[in-house]
Amino acid sequence: MDISLVYSPAPRVVRELALVLDAEATVEQALKASGWLAELSPTEVHSLEVGVWGRTVPLSHVLRQDDRVELYRPLKVDPKVARRERFVKQGAKSAGLFAKKRPGAKAGY
């Protein structure tokens, strides 16, 4: 069965690998077949989560034909916090819904 394995070790870097595995193969077998776990430190391996098509699954999950196995690394910053910090840095005048006003438009439109 054909499986694709996807991992992003750093921002804007994506590694993709196509694997051919036996029927009834598990996520753990796919990871071992890729050899990627050997490249990671033990702390990175324990912090990774695994998913199939965007849904987290256990390592014992049985794969199906054309599944996409994804390795998720932990977030360094909460997206909500990052957005708030960007807004504070940019200021209310240059960011948000009312940043670009048409000439002659009413306030708030």
PDB file of N, CA and C in Angstrom:
ATOM      1  N   MET A   1       0.844  -1.170   0.000  1.00  0.00           N
ATOM      2  CA  MET A   1       0.000   0.000   0.000  1.00  0.00           C
ATOM      3  C   MET A   1       0.887   1.230   0.000  1.00  0.00           C
ATOM      4  N   ASP A   2       0.439   2.277  -0.664  1.00  0.00           N
ATOM      5  CA  ASP A   2       1.201   3.515  -0.787  1.00  0.00           C
ATOM      6  C   ASP A   2       0.812   4.485   0.321  1.00  0.00           C
ATOM      7  N   ILE A   3       1.832   5.029   0.985  1.00  0.00           N
ATOM      8  CA  ILE A   3       1.646   5.974   2.079  1.00  0.00           C
ATOM      9  C   ILE A   3       2.562   7.162   1.832  1.00  0.00           C
ATOM     10  N   SER A   4       2.116   8.366   2.179  1.00  0.00           N
ATOM     11  CA  SER A   4       3.037   9.500   2.147  1.00  0.00           C
ATOM     12  C   SER A   4       3.239   9.979   3.580  1.00  0.00           C
ATOM     13  N   LEU A   5       4.483  10.279   3.893  1.00  0.00           N
ATOM     14  CA  LEU A   5       4.870  10.715   5.225  1.00  0.00           C
ATOM     15  C   LEU A   5       5.375  12.149   5.108  1.00  0.00           C
ATOM     16  N   VAL A   6       4.841  13.055   5.938  1.00  0.00           N
ATOM     17  CA  VAL A   6       5.159  14.479   5.838  1.00  0.00           C
ATOM     18  C   VAL A   6       5.622  14.984   7.199  1.00  0.00           C
ATOM     19  N   TYR A   7       6.695  15.801   7.176  1.00  0.00           N
ATOM     20  CA  TYR A   7       7.233  16.370   8.411  1.00  0.00           C
ATOM     21  C   TYR A   7       7.845  17.732   8.113  1.00  0.00           C
ATOM     22  N   SER A   8       7.629  18.678   9.005  1.00  0.00           N
ATOM     23  CA  SER A   8       8.220  20.005   8.871  1.00  0.00           C
ATOM     24  C   SER A   8       9.185  20.227  10.035  1.00  0.00           C
ATOM     25  N   PRO A   9      10.490  20.024   9.815  1.00  0.00           N
ATOM     26  CA  PRO A   9      11.450  20.173  10.914  1.00  0.00           C
ATOM     27  C   PRO A   9      11.665  21.617  11.354  1.00  0.00           C
ATOM     28  N   ALA A  10      11.368  22.575  10.480  1.00  0.00           N
ATOM     29  CA  ALA A  10      11.546  23.993  10.794  1.00  0.00           C
ATOM     30  C   ALA A  10      10.496  24.794  10.022  1.00  0.00           C
ATOM     31  N   PRO A  11      10.281  26.036  10.404  1.00  0.00           N
ATOM     32  CA  PRO A  11       9.316  26.851   9.659  1.00  0.00           C
ATOM     33  C   PRO A  11       9.685  26.960   8.179  1.00  0.00           C
ATOM     34  N   ARG A  12       8.694  26.826   7.334  1.00  0.00           N
ATOM     35  CA  ARG A  12       8.818  26.926   5.870  1.00  0.00           C
ATOM     36  C   ARG A  12       9.692  25.836   5.256  1.00  0.00           C
ATOM     37  N   VAL A  13       9.903  24.735   5.979  1.00  0.00           N
ATOM     38  CA  VAL A  13      10.650  23.588   5.461  1.00  0.00           C
ATOM     39  C   VAL A  13       9.749  22.369   5.585  1.00  0.00           C
ATOM     40  N   VAL A  14       9.501  21.684   4.469  1.00  0.00           N
ATOM     41  CA  VAL A  14       8.631  20.509   4.484  1.00  0.00           C
ATOM     42  C   VAL A  14       9.364  19.349   3.825  1.00  0.00           C
ATOM     43  N   ARG A  15       9.370  18.236   4.533  1.00  0.00           N
ATOM     44  CA  ARG A  15       9.949  17.012   3.975  1.00  0.00           C
ATOM     45  C   ARG A  15       8.815  16.032   3.709  1.00  0.00           C
ATOM     46  N   GLU A  16       8.810  15.444   2.534  1.00  0.00           N
ATOM     47  CA  GLU A  16       7.772  14.475   2.178  1.00  0.00           C
ATOM     48  C   GLU A  16       8.438  13.224   1.625  1.00  0.00           C
ATOM     49  N   LEU A  17       7.920  12.067   2.033  1.00  0.00           N
ATOM     50  CA  LEU A  17       8.493  10.799   1.628  1.00  0.00           C
ATOM     51  C   LEU A  17       7.365   9.850   1.240  1.00  0.00           C
ATOM     52  N   ALA A  18       7.508   9.206   0.104  1.00  0.00           N
ATOM     53  CA  ALA A  18       6.522   8.204  -0.334  1.00  0.00           C
ATOM     54  C   ALA A  18       7.024   6.835   0.080  1.00  0.00           C
ATOM     55  N   LEU A  19       6.163   6.061   0.733  1.00  0.00           N
ATOM     56  CA  LEU A  19       6.517   4.725   1.211  1.00  0.00           C
ATOM     57  C   LEU A  19       5.575   3.690   0.622  1.00  0.00           C
ATOM     58  N   VAL A  20       6.097   2.500   0.421  1.00  0.00           N
ATOM     59  CA  VAL A  20       5.275   1.355   0.034  1.00  0.00           C
ATOM     60  C   VAL A  20       5.381   0.358   1.178  1.00  0.00           C
ATOM     61  N   LEU A  21       4.255   0.114   1.856  1.00  0.00           N
ATOM     62  CA  LEU A  21       4.231  -0.760   3.024  1.00  0.00           C
ATOM     63  C   LEU A  21       3.294  -1.935   2.792  1.00  0.00           C
ATOM     64  N   ASP A  22       3.437  -2.933   3.657  1.00  0.00           N
ATOM     65  CA  ASP A  22       2.541  -4.083   3.611  1.00  0.00           C
ATOM     66  C   ASP A  22       1.143  -3.666   4.057  1.00  0.00           C
ATOM     67  N   ALA A  23       0.158  -4.441   3.659  1.00  0.00           N
ATOM     68  CA  ALA A  23      -1.206  -4.201   4.126  1.00  0.00           C
ATOM     69  C   ALA A  23      -1.243  -4.379   5.638  1.00  0.00           C
ATOM     70  N   GLU A  24      -2.133  -3.667   6.300  1.00  0.00           N
ATOM     71  CA  GLU A  24      -2.272  -3.711   7.759  1.00  0.00           C
ATOM     72  C   GLU A  24      -1.059  -3.107   8.485  1.00  0.00           C
ATOM     73  N   ALA A  25      -0.305  -2.259   7.842  1.00  0.00           N
ATOM     74  CA  ALA A  25       0.826  -1.586   8.492  1.00  0.00           C
ATOM     75  C   ALA A  25       0.297  -0.505   9.427  1.00  0.00           C
ATOM     76  N   THR A  26       1.030  -0.240  10.495  1.00  0.00           N
ATOM     77  CA  THR A  26       0.631   0.774  11.468  1.00  0.00           C
ATOM     78  C   THR A  26       1.452   2.045  11.268  1.00  0.00           C
ATOM     79  N   VAL A  27       1.052   3.091  11.961  1.00  0.00           N
ATOM     80  CA  VAL A  27       1.774   4.356  11.897  1.00  0.00           C
ATOM     81  C   VAL A  27       3.199   4.170  12.406  1.00  0.00           C
ATOM     82  N   GLU A  28       3.358   3.402  13.462  1.00  0.00           N
ATOM     83  CA  GLU A  28       4.684   3.158  14.023  1.00  0.00           C
ATOM     84  C   GLU A  28       5.598   2.460  13.009  1.00  0.00           C
ATOM     85  N   GLN A  29       5.071   1.493  12.266  1.00  0.00           N
ATOM     86  CA  GLN A  29       5.862   0.809  11.249  1.00  0.00           C
ATOM     87  C   GLN A  29       6.253   1.769  10.127  1.00  0.00           C
ATOM     88  N   ALA A  30       5.366   2.676   9.775  1.00  0.00           N
ATOM     89  CA  ALA A  30       5.677   3.665   8.739  1.00  0.00           C
ATOM     90  C   ALA A  30       6.803   4.592   9.197  1.00  0.00           C
ATOM     91  N   LEU A  31       6.767   5.012  10.459  1.00  0.00           N
ATOM     92  CA  LEU A  31       7.817   5.883  10.987  1.00  0.00           C
ATOM     93  C   LEU A  31       9.164   5.173  11.018  1.00  0.00           C
ATOM     94  N   LYS A  32       9.154   3.907  11.412  1.00  0.00           N
ATOM     95  CA  LYS A  32      10.402   3.142  11.436  1.00  0.00           C
ATOM     96  C   LYS A  32      10.946   2.929  10.025  1.00  0.00           C
ATOM     97  N   ALA A  33      10.063   2.696   9.064  1.00  0.00           N
ATOM     98  CA  ALA A  33      10.490   2.472   7.680  1.00  0.00           C
ATOM     99  C   ALA A  33      11.080   3.740   7.064  1.00  0.00           C
ATOM    100  N   SER A  34      10.631   4.905   7.530  1.00  0.00           N
ATOM    101  CA  SER A  34      11.127   6.165   6.958  1.00  0.00           C
ATOM    102  C   SER A  34      12.558   6.464   7.399  1.00  0.00           C
ATOM    103  N   GLY A  35      12.920   6.058   8.609  1.00  0.00           N
ATOM    104  CA  GLY A  35      14.246   6.359   9.132  1.00  0.00           C
ATOM    105  C   GLY A  35      14.365   7.755   9.722  1.00  0.00           C
ATOM    106  N   TRP A  36      13.300   8.516   9.739  1.00  0.00           N
ATOM    107  CA  TRP A  36      13.339   9.881  10.256  1.00  0.00           C
ATOM    108  C   TRP A  36      13.520   9.935  11.762  1.00  0.00           C
ATOM    109  N   LEU A  37      13.036   8.931  12.476  1.00  0.00           N
ATOM    110  CA  LEU A  37      13.144   8.960  13.936  1.00  0.00           C
ATOM    111  C   LEU A  37      14.600   8.889  14.383  1.00  0.00           C
ATOM    112  N   ALA A  38      15.454   8.241  13.596  1.00  0.00           N
ATOM    113  CA  ALA A  38      16.874   8.140  13.940  1.00  0.00           C
ATOM    114  C   ALA A  38      17.563   9.498  13.847  1.00  0.00           C
ATOM    115  N   GLU A  39      17.036  10.402  13.024  1.00  0.00           N
ATOM    116  CA  GLU A  39      17.628  11.725  12.845  1.00  0.00           C
ATOM    117  C   GLU A  39      17.257  12.687  13.968  1.00  0.00           C
ATOM    118  N   LEU A  40      16.230  12.367  14.747  1.00  0.00           N
ATOM    119  CA  LEU A  40      15.738  13.269  15.787  1.00  0.00           C
ATOM    120  C   LEU A  40      16.318  12.887  17.144  1.00  0.00           C
ATOM    121  N   SER A  41      16.433  13.869  18.023  1.00  0.00           N
ATOM    122  CA  SER A  41      16.886  13.588  19.381  1.00  0.00           C
ATOM    123  C   SER A  41      15.748  12.921  20.161  1.00  0.00           C
ATOM    124  N   PRO A  42      16.076  12.210  21.240  1.00  0.00           N
ATOM    125  CA  PRO A  42      15.017  11.544  22.026  1.00  0.00           C
ATOM    126  C   PRO A  42      13.965  12.516  22.570  1.00  0.00           C
ATOM    127  N   THR A  43      14.364  13.735  22.924  1.00  0.00           N
ATOM    128  CA  THR A  43      13.379  14.699  23.434  1.00  0.00           C
ATOM    129  C   THR A  43      12.434  15.142  22.323  1.00  0.00           C
ATOM    130  N   GLU A  44      12.959  15.294  21.101  1.00  0.00           N
ATOM    131  CA  GLU A  44      12.100  15.665  19.973  1.00  0.00           C
ATOM    132  C   GLU A  44      11.123  14.541  19.642  1.00  0.00           C
ATOM    133  N   VAL A  45      11.585  13.304  19.725  1.00  0.00           N
ATOM    134  CA  VAL A  45      10.725  12.161  19.415  1.00  0.00           C
ATOM    135  C   VAL A  45       9.554  12.094  20.389  1.00  0.00           C
ATOM    136  N   HIS A  46       9.817  12.350  21.667  1.00  0.00           N
ATOM    137  CA  HIS A  46       8.744  12.271  22.667  1.00  0.00           C
ATOM    138  C   HIS A  46       7.770  13.443  22.565  1.00  0.00           C
ATOM    139  N   SER A  47       8.213  14.569  22.012  1.00  0.00           N
ATOM    140  CA  SER A  47       7.322  15.729  21.923  1.00  0.00           C
ATOM    141  C   SER A  47       6.492  15.730  20.638  1.00  0.00           C
ATOM    142  N   LEU A  48       6.824  14.868  19.681  1.00  0.00           N
ATOM    143  CA  LEU A  48       6.086  14.832  18.416  1.00  0.00           C
ATOM    144  C   LEU A  48       4.725  14.172  18.576  1.00  0.00           C
ATOM    145  N   GLU A  49       3.765  14.684  17.838  1.00  0.00           N
ATOM    146  CA  GLU A  49       2.466  14.035  17.732  1.00  0.00           C
ATOM    147  C   GLU A  49       2.332  13.539  16.304  1.00  0.00           C
ATOM    148  N   VAL A  50       1.519  12.509  16.115  1.00  0.00           N
ATOM    149  CA  VAL A  50       1.349  11.914  14.797  1.00  0.00           C
ATOM    150  C   VAL A  50      -0.122  11.990  14.421  1.00  0.00           C
ATOM    151  N   GLY A  51      -0.367  12.274  13.135  1.00  0.00           N
ATOM    152  CA  GLY A  51      -1.736  12.331  12.653  1.00  0.00           C
ATOM    153  C   GLY A  51      -1.843  11.763  11.258  1.00  0.00           C
ATOM    154  N   VAL A  52      -3.075  11.436  10.885  1.00  0.00           N
ATOM    155  CA  VAL A  52      -3.372  10.984   9.528  1.00  0.00           C
ATOM    156  C   VAL A  52      -4.422  11.941   8.990  1.00  0.00           C
ATOM    157  N   TRP A  53      -4.070  12.611   7.907  1.00  0.00           N
ATOM    158  CA  TRP A  53      -4.946  13.593   7.267  1.00  0.00           C
ATOM    159  C   TRP A  53      -5.465  14.629   8.266  1.00  0.00           C
ATOM    160  N   GLY A  54      -4.569  15.159   9.116  1.00  0.00           N
ATOM    161  CA  GLY A  54      -4.928  16.254  10.010  1.00  0.00           C
ATOM    162  C   GLY A  54      -5.582  15.862  11.311  1.00  0.00           C
ATOM    163  N   ARG A  55      -5.756  14.578  11.571  1.00  0.00           N
ATOM    164  CA  ARG A  55      -6.348  14.119  12.832  1.00  0.00           C
ATOM    165  C   ARG A  55      -5.325  13.293  13.587  1.00  0.00           C
ATOM    166  N   THR A  56      -5.110  13.631  14.855  1.00  0.00           N
ATOM    167  CA  THR A  56      -4.123  12.888  15.634  1.00  0.00           C
ATOM    168  C   THR A  56      -4.594  11.459  15.852  1.00  0.00           C
ATOM    169  N   VAL A  57      -3.639  10.537  15.773  1.00  0.00           N
ATOM    170  CA  VAL A  57      -3.925   9.117  15.939  1.00  0.00           C
ATOM    171  C   VAL A  57      -2.822   8.495  16.792  1.00  0.00           C
ATOM    172  N   PRO A  58      -3.101   7.352  17.439  1.00  0.00           N
ATOM    173  CA  PRO A  58      -2.041   6.655  18.176  1.00  0.00           C
ATOM    174  C   PRO A  58      -1.096   5.936  17.214  1.00  0.00           C
ATOM    175  N   LEU A  59       0.062   5.550  17.711  1.00  0.00           N
ATOM    176  CA  LEU A  59       1.033   4.848  16.875  1.00  0.00           C
ATOM    177  C   LEU A  59       0.522   3.486  16.408  1.00  0.00           C
ATOM    178  N   SER A  60      -0.455   2.941  17.090  1.00  0.00           N
ATOM    179  CA  SER A  60      -0.996   1.626  16.726  1.00  0.00           C
ATOM    180  C   SER A  60      -2.078   1.711  15.642  1.00  0.00           C
ATOM    181  N   HIS A  61      -2.371   2.902  15.154  1.00  0.00           N
ATOM    182  CA  HIS A  61      -3.403   3.094  14.133  1.00  0.00           C
ATOM    183  C   HIS A  61      -3.028   2.352  12.849  1.00  0.00           C
ATOM    184  N   VAL A  62      -3.967   1.570  12.308  1.00  0.00           N
ATOM    185  CA  VAL A  62      -3.729   0.819  11.076  1.00  0.00           C
ATOM    186  C   VAL A  62      -3.989   1.737   9.880  1.00  0.00           C
ATOM    187  N   LEU A  63      -3.026   1.795   8.985  1.00  0.00           N
ATOM    188  CA  LEU A  63      -3.112   2.681   7.825  1.00  0.00           C
ATOM    189  C   LEU A  63      -3.888   2.049   6.688  1.00  0.00           C
ATOM    190  N   ARG A  64      -4.400   2.914   5.802  1.00  0.00           N
ATOM    191  CA  ARG A  64      -5.096   2.462   4.603  1.00  0.00           C
ATOM    192  C   ARG A  64      -4.376   2.994   3.374  1.00  0.00           C
ATOM    193  N   GLN A  65      -4.754   2.516   2.227  1.00  0.00           N
ATOM    194  CA  GLN A  65      -4.159   2.941   0.962  1.00  0.00           C
ATOM    195  C   GLN A  65      -4.242   4.456   0.809  1.00  0.00           C
ATOM    196  N   ASP A  66      -3.161   5.077   0.389  1.00  0.00           N
ATOM    197  CA  ASP A  66      -3.061   6.516   0.114  1.00  0.00           C
ATOM    198  C   ASP A  66      -3.242   7.404   1.339  1.00  0.00           C
ATOM    199  N   ASP A  67      -2.991   6.886   2.538  1.00  0.00           N
ATOM    200  CA  ASP A  67      -3.041   7.725   3.736  1.00  0.00           C
ATOM    201  C   ASP A  67      -1.851   8.674   3.749  1.00  0.00           C
ATOM    202  N   ARG A  68      -2.039   9.817   4.396  1.00  0.00           N
ATOM    203  CA  ARG A  68      -0.974  10.808   4.557  1.00  0.00           C
ATOM    204  C   ARG A  68      -0.677  10.901   6.051  1.00  0.00           C
ATOM    205  N   VAL A  69       0.485  10.407   6.461  1.00  0.00           N
ATOM    206  CA  VAL A  69       0.901  10.423   7.861  1.00  0.00           C
ATOM    207  C   VAL A  69       1.687  11.714   8.083  1.00  0.00           C
ATOM    208  N   GLU A  70       1.301  12.467   9.112  1.00  0.00           N
ATOM    209  CA  GLU A  70       1.913  13.763   9.385  1.00  0.00           C
ATOM    210  C   GLU A  70       2.524  13.762  10.781  1.00  0.00           C
ATOM    211  N   LEU A  71       3.744  14.284  10.890  1.00  0.00           N
ATOM    212  CA  LEU A  71       4.399  14.455  12.184  1.00  0.00           C
ATOM    213  C   LEU A  71       4.230  15.907  12.594  1.00  0.00           C
ATOM    214  N   TYR A  72       3.708  16.139  13.794  1.00  0.00           N
ATOM    215  CA  TYR A  72       3.471  17.494  14.276  1.00  0.00           C
ATOM    216  C   TYR A  72       4.476  17.826  15.370  1.00  0.00           C
ATOM    217  N   ARG A  73       5.188  18.951  15.211  1.00  0.00           N
ATOM    218  CA  ARG A  73       6.077  19.406  16.267  1.00  0.00           C
ATOM    219  C   ARG A  73       5.294  20.390  17.135  1.00  0.00           C
ATOM    220  N   PRO A  74       5.692  20.557  18.388  1.00  0.00           N
ATOM    221  CA  PRO A  74       4.935  21.458  19.271  1.00  0.00           C
ATOM    222  C   PRO A  74       5.072  22.907  18.841  1.00  0.00           C
ATOM    223  N   LEU A  75       4.031  23.690  19.110  1.00  0.00           N
ATOM    224  CA  LEU A  75       4.053  25.115  18.798  1.00  0.00           C
ATOM    225  C   LEU A  75       4.952  25.843  19.794  1.00  0.00           C
ATOM    226  N   LYS A  76       5.728  26.803  19.303  1.00  0.00           N
ATOM    227  CA  LYS A  76       6.583  27.588  20.191  1.00  0.00           C
ATOM    228  C   LYS A  76       5.810  28.756  20.798  1.00  0.00           C
ATOM    229  N   VAL A  77       4.850  29.285  20.049  1.00  0.00           N
ATOM    230  CA  VAL A  77       4.046  30.414  20.512  1.00  0.00           C
ATOM    231  C   VAL A  77       2.587  30.120  20.183  1.00  0.00           C
ATOM    232  N   ASP A  78       1.720  30.436  21.117  1.00  0.00           N
ATOM    233  CA  ASP A  78       0.292  30.281  20.882  1.00  0.00           C
ATOM    234  C   ASP A  78      -0.125  31.262  19.776  1.00  0.00           C
ATOM    235  N   PRO A  79      -0.844  30.802  18.736  1.00  0.00           N
ATOM    236  CA  PRO A  79      -1.217  31.700  17.634  1.00  0.00           C
ATOM    237  C   PRO A  79      -2.005  32.933  18.075  1.00  0.00           C
ATOM    238  N   LYS A  80      -2.849  32.791  19.095  1.00  0.00           N
ATOM    239  CA  LYS A  80      -3.615  33.943  19.574  1.00  0.00           C
ATOM    240  C   LYS A  80      -2.698  34.997  20.195  1.00  0.00           C
ATOM    241  N   VAL A  81      -1.724  34.526  20.956  1.00  0.00           N
ATOM    242  CA  VAL A  81      -0.778  35.449  21.587  1.00  0.00           C
ATOM    243  C   VAL A  81       0.058  36.148  20.522  1.00  0.00           C
ATOM    244  N   ALA A  82       0.518  35.404  19.503  1.00  0.00           N
ATOM    245  CA  ALA A  82       1.322  35.989  18.433  1.00  0.00           C
ATOM    246  C   ALA A  82       0.533  37.062  17.694  1.00  0.00           C
ATOM    247  N   ARG A  83      -0.743  36.827  17.449  1.00  0.00           N
ATOM    248  CA  ARG A  83      -1.583  37.816  16.752  1.00  0.00           C
ATOM    249  C   ARG A  83      -1.723  39.080  17.591  1.00  0.00           C
ATOM    250  N   ARG A  84      -1.962  38.914  18.893  1.00  0.00           N
ATOM    251  CA  ARG A  84      -2.084  40.082  19.778  1.00  0.00           C
ATOM    252  C   ARG A  84      -0.795  40.902  19.786  1.00  0.00           C
ATOM    253  N   GLU A  85       0.343  40.211  19.853  1.00  0.00           N
ATOM    254  CA  GLU A  85       1.629  40.921  19.878  1.00  0.00           C
ATOM    255  C   GLU A  85       1.866  41.670  18.568  1.00  0.00           C
ATOM    256  N   ARG A  86       1.513  41.053  17.441  1.00  0.00           N
ATOM    257  CA  ARG A  86       1.651  41.740  16.150  1.00  0.00           C
ATOM    258  C   ARG A  86       0.771  42.982  16.101  1.00  0.00           C
ATOM    259  N   PHE A  87      -0.444  42.880  16.613  1.00  0.00           N
ATOM    260  CA  PHE A  87      -1.380  44.007  16.607  1.00  0.00           C
ATOM    261  C   PHE A  87      -0.843  45.157  17.451  1.00  0.00           C
ATOM    262  N   VAL A  88      -0.279  44.828  18.615  1.00  0.00           N
ATOM    263  CA  VAL A  88       0.280  45.861  19.486  1.00  0.00           C
ATOM    264  C   VAL A  88       1.455  46.543  18.797  1.00  0.00           C
ATOM    265  N   LYS A  89       2.290  45.755  18.117  1.00  0.00           N
ATOM    266  CA  LYS A  89       3.453  46.305  17.415  1.00  0.00           C
ATOM    267  C   LYS A  89       3.046  47.209  16.254  1.00  0.00           C
ATOM    268  N   GLN A  90       2.056  46.780  15.473  1.00  0.00           N
ATOM    269  CA  GLN A  90       1.631  47.537  14.299  1.00  0.00           C
ATOM    270  C   GLN A  90       0.807  48.765  14.673  1.00  0.00           C
ATOM    271  N   GLY A  91       0.058  48.650  15.743  1.00  0.00           N
ATOM    272  CA  GLY A  91      -0.812  49.747  16.144  1.00  0.00           C
ATOM    273  C   GLY A  91      -2.181  49.621  15.498  1.00  0.00           C
ATOM    274  N   ALA A  92      -3.164  50.254  16.095  1.00  0.00           N
ATOM    275  CA  ALA A  92      -4.542  50.151  15.627  1.00  0.00           C
ATOM    276  C   ALA A  92      -4.763  50.859  14.296  1.00  0.00           C
ATOM    277  N   LYS A  93      -3.973  51.882  13.986  1.00  0.00           N
ATOM    278  CA  LYS A  93      -4.180  52.645  12.757  1.00  0.00           C
ATOM    279  C   LYS A  93      -3.796  51.865  11.502  1.00  0.00           C
ATOM    280  N   SER A  94      -2.777  51.004  11.603  1.00  0.00           N
ATOM    281  CA  SER A  94      -2.278  50.330  10.397  1.00  0.00           C
ATOM    282  C   SER A  94      -2.709  48.874  10.294  1.00  0.00           C
ATOM    283  N   ALA A  95      -3.491  48.373  11.233  1.00  0.00           N
ATOM    284  CA  ALA A  95      -3.899  46.972  11.187  1.00  0.00           C
ATOM    285  C   ALA A  95      -5.389  46.861  11.468  1.00  0.00           C
ATOM    286  N   GLY A  96      -5.960  45.783  11.019  1.00  0.00           N
ATOM    287  CA  GLY A  96      -7.347  45.525  11.335  1.00  0.00           C
ATOM    288  C   GLY A  96      -8.303  45.886  10.232  1.00  0.00           C
ATOM    289  N   LEU A  97      -9.579  45.828  10.551  1.00  0.00           N
ATOM    290  CA  LEU A  97     -10.646  46.005   9.585  1.00  0.00           C
ATOM    291  C   LEU A  97     -10.709  47.416   9.005  1.00  0.00           C
ATOM    292  N   PHE A  98     -10.424  48.425   9.823  1.00  0.00           N
ATOM    293  CA  PHE A  98     -10.596  49.811   9.386  1.00  0.00           C
ATOM    294  C   PHE A  98      -9.267  50.490   9.059  1.00  0.00           C
ATOM    295  N   ALA A  99      -8.240  49.729   8.734  1.00  0.00           N
ATOM    296  CA  ALA A  99      -6.928  50.308   8.443  1.00  0.00           C
ATOM    297  C   ALA A  99      -6.950  51.105   7.145  1.00  0.00           C
ATOM    298  N   LYS A 100      -7.686  50.649   6.142  1.00  0.00           N
ATOM    299  CA  LYS A 100      -7.730  51.333   4.850  1.00  0.00           C
ATOM    300  C   LYS A 100      -9.119  51.950   4.669  1.00  0.00           C
ATOM    301  N   LYS A 101      -9.172  53.273   4.725  1.00  0.00           N
ATOM    302  CA  LYS A 101     -10.454  53.951   4.553  1.00  0.00           C
ATOM    303  C   LYS A 101     -10.506  54.587   3.164  1.00  0.00           C
ATOM    304  N   ARG A 102     -11.678  54.564   2.592  1.00  0.00           N
ATOM    305  CA  ARG A 102     -11.873  55.259   1.317  1.00  0.00           C
ATOM    306  C   ARG A 102     -11.932  56.750   1.582  1.00  0.00           C
ATOM    307  N   PRO A 103     -11.437  57.561   0.660  1.00  0.00           N
ATOM    308  CA  PRO A 103     -11.539  59.012   0.848  1.00  0.00           C
ATOM    309  C   PRO A 103     -13.008  59.443   0.931  1.00  0.00           C
ATOM    310  N   GLY A 104     -13.324  60.214   1.942  1.00  0.00           N
ATOM    311  CA  GLY A 104     -14.681  60.713   2.095  1.00  0.00           C
ATOM    312  C   GLY A 104     -15.629  59.730   2.765  1.00  0.00           C
ATOM    313  N   ALA A 105     -15.152  58.585   3.210  1.00  0.00           N
ATOM    314  CA  ALA A 105     -16.027  57.602   3.849  1.00  0.00           C
ATOM    315  C   ALA A 105     -16.329  58.017   5.277  1.00  0.00           C
ATOM    316  N   LYS A 106     -17.459  57.535   5.793  1.00  0.00           N
ATOM    317  CA  LYS A 106     -17.826  57.826   7.165  1.00  0.00           C
ATOM    318  C   LYS A 106     -16.910  57.033   8.096  1.00  0.00           C
ATOM    319  N   ALA A 107     -16.778  57.515   9.315  1.00  0.00           N
ATOM    320  CA  ALA A 107     -15.936  56.832  10.308  1.00  0.00           C
ATOM    321  C   ALA A 107     -16.547  55.459  10.605  1.00  0.00           C
ATOM    322  N   GLY A 108     -15.718  54.450  10.608  1.00  0.00           N
ATOM    323  CA  GLY A 108     -16.192  53.094  10.938  1.00  0.00           C
ATOM    324  C   GLY A 108     -16.697  52.329   9.743  1.00  0.00           C
ATOM    325  N   TYR A 109     -16.643  52.910   8.528  1.00  0.00           N
ATOM    326  CA  TYR A 109     -17.116  52.202   7.343  1.00  0.00           C
ATOM    327  C   TYR A 109     -15.992  52.016   6.342  1.00  0.00           C
TER     328      TYR A 109
END
